[in-house]
Amino acid sequence: NNTLPLSKSARIGVAGPAAATFFAGGYGRYTLPTDVTPWRGMQERAGTDAKLSLFDGKGDLSSWAKEQDVLVFFATIAEGEG
């Protein structure tokens, strides 16, 4: 439905348990800044015209998402041994 490319003034909704959380993984010895999150990265790259909105977990996600032009959802996966 002609979603991409997004207009520079798009309303971009960002949601999910990993949207504003730092996850380093655990598969190596990397030194990463702990303030790197998907939300921060999107804020830095979106430009000044885009309207970024972070879902705060309150209210109904579906209703909030309908107010956005596009929704980016950052999920997590829990895995472990045993």
Protein backbone atom coordinates (compact mmCIF):
# COMPACT_ATOMS: atom_id res chain seq x y z
CA ASN A 1 0.00 0.00 0.00
CA ASN A 2 2.83 2.41 -0.81
CA THR A 3 4.16 2.35 2.75
CA LEU A 4 7.81 2.56 1.72
CA PRO A 5 9.69 4.72 1.38
CA LEU A 6 8.40 6.60 4.41
CA SER A 7 7.82 10.28 4.07
CA LYS A 8 10.22 12.47 5.99
CA SER A 9 7.33 13.62 8.18
CA ALA A 10 6.01 10.12 8.94
CA ARG A 11 4.55 9.23 12.31
CA ILE A 12 6.73 6.34 13.46
CA GLY A 13 5.57 4.32 16.44
CA VAL A 14 8.18 2.37 18.37
CA ALA A 15 7.07 -0.35 20.77
CA GLY A 16 8.05 -3.63 22.38
CA PRO A 17 9.98 -4.86 25.39
CA ALA A 18 13.35 -4.26 23.71
CA ALA A 19 12.60 -0.82 22.22
CA ALA A 20 14.21 1.25 24.97
CA THR A 21 16.30 -1.41 26.69
CA PHE A 22 19.95 -2.22 26.22
CA PHE A 23 20.71 -5.87 25.45
CA ALA A 24 24.37 -6.77 25.08
CA GLY A 25 23.88 -10.43 24.31
CA GLY A 26 26.45 -12.68 25.86
CA TYR A 27 28.27 -14.27 23.01
CA GLY A 28 31.54 -12.45 23.20
CA ARG A 29 33.71 -9.98 24.99
CA TYR A 30 32.47 -6.76 23.54
CA THR A 31 32.56 -3.37 25.16
CA LEU A 32 29.44 -1.52 24.16
CA PRO A 33 28.00 1.72 25.44
CA THR A 34 25.08 0.88 27.71
CA ASP A 35 22.93 3.74 26.44
CA VAL A 36 22.60 2.26 22.94
CA THR A 37 18.98 1.23 22.42
CA PRO A 38 16.82 0.92 19.32
CA TRP A 39 14.82 3.94 20.50
CA ARG A 40 17.92 6.14 20.86
CA GLY A 41 19.28 5.01 17.51
CA MET A 42 16.03 5.80 15.75
CA GLN A 43 15.88 9.22 17.39
CA GLU A 44 19.37 10.02 16.16
CA ARG A 45 18.72 8.83 12.59
CA ALA A 46 15.12 9.92 11.97
CA GLY A 47 15.80 13.58 11.45
CA THR A 48 13.87 16.52 12.77
CA ASP A 49 10.77 16.15 10.58
CA ALA A 50 9.82 12.60 11.60
CA LYS A 51 7.43 12.24 14.49
CA LEU A 52 8.75 9.41 16.67
CA SER A 53 6.57 8.08 19.44
CA LEU A 54 7.52 5.46 22.03
CA PHE A 55 4.66 3.33 23.41
CA ASP A 56 4.83 3.63 27.20
CA GLY A 57 3.05 0.34 27.91
CA LYS A 58 -0.03 2.09 29.24
CA GLY A 59 -3.30 1.83 27.42
CA ASP A 60 -4.11 -0.23 24.38
CA LEU A 61 -1.24 -0.90 21.96
CA SER A 62 -3.62 -1.56 19.07
CA SER A 63 -5.40 1.78 19.42
CA TRP A 64 -2.11 3.65 19.79
CA ALA A 65 -0.62 1.87 16.75
CA LYS A 66 -3.53 2.97 14.56
CA GLU A 67 -2.47 6.59 15.15
CA GLN A 68 0.95 5.89 13.58
CA ASP A 69 1.89 5.66 9.90
CA VAL A 70 4.18 2.73 10.67
CA LEU A 71 4.97 0.67 13.75
CA VAL A 72 8.39 -0.80 14.54
CA PHE A 73 8.14 -3.49 17.23
CA PHE A 74 11.26 -4.67 19.06
CA ALA A 75 10.68 -8.09 20.59
CA THR A 76 12.97 -10.18 22.75
CA ILE A 77 13.62 -13.87 22.96
CA ALA A 78 14.41 -15.71 26.14
CA GLU A 79 16.55 -18.74 25.67
CA GLY A 80 18.80 -20.70 27.90
CA GLU A 81 20.27 -24.03 28.63
CA GLY A 82 18.38 -26.47 30.81
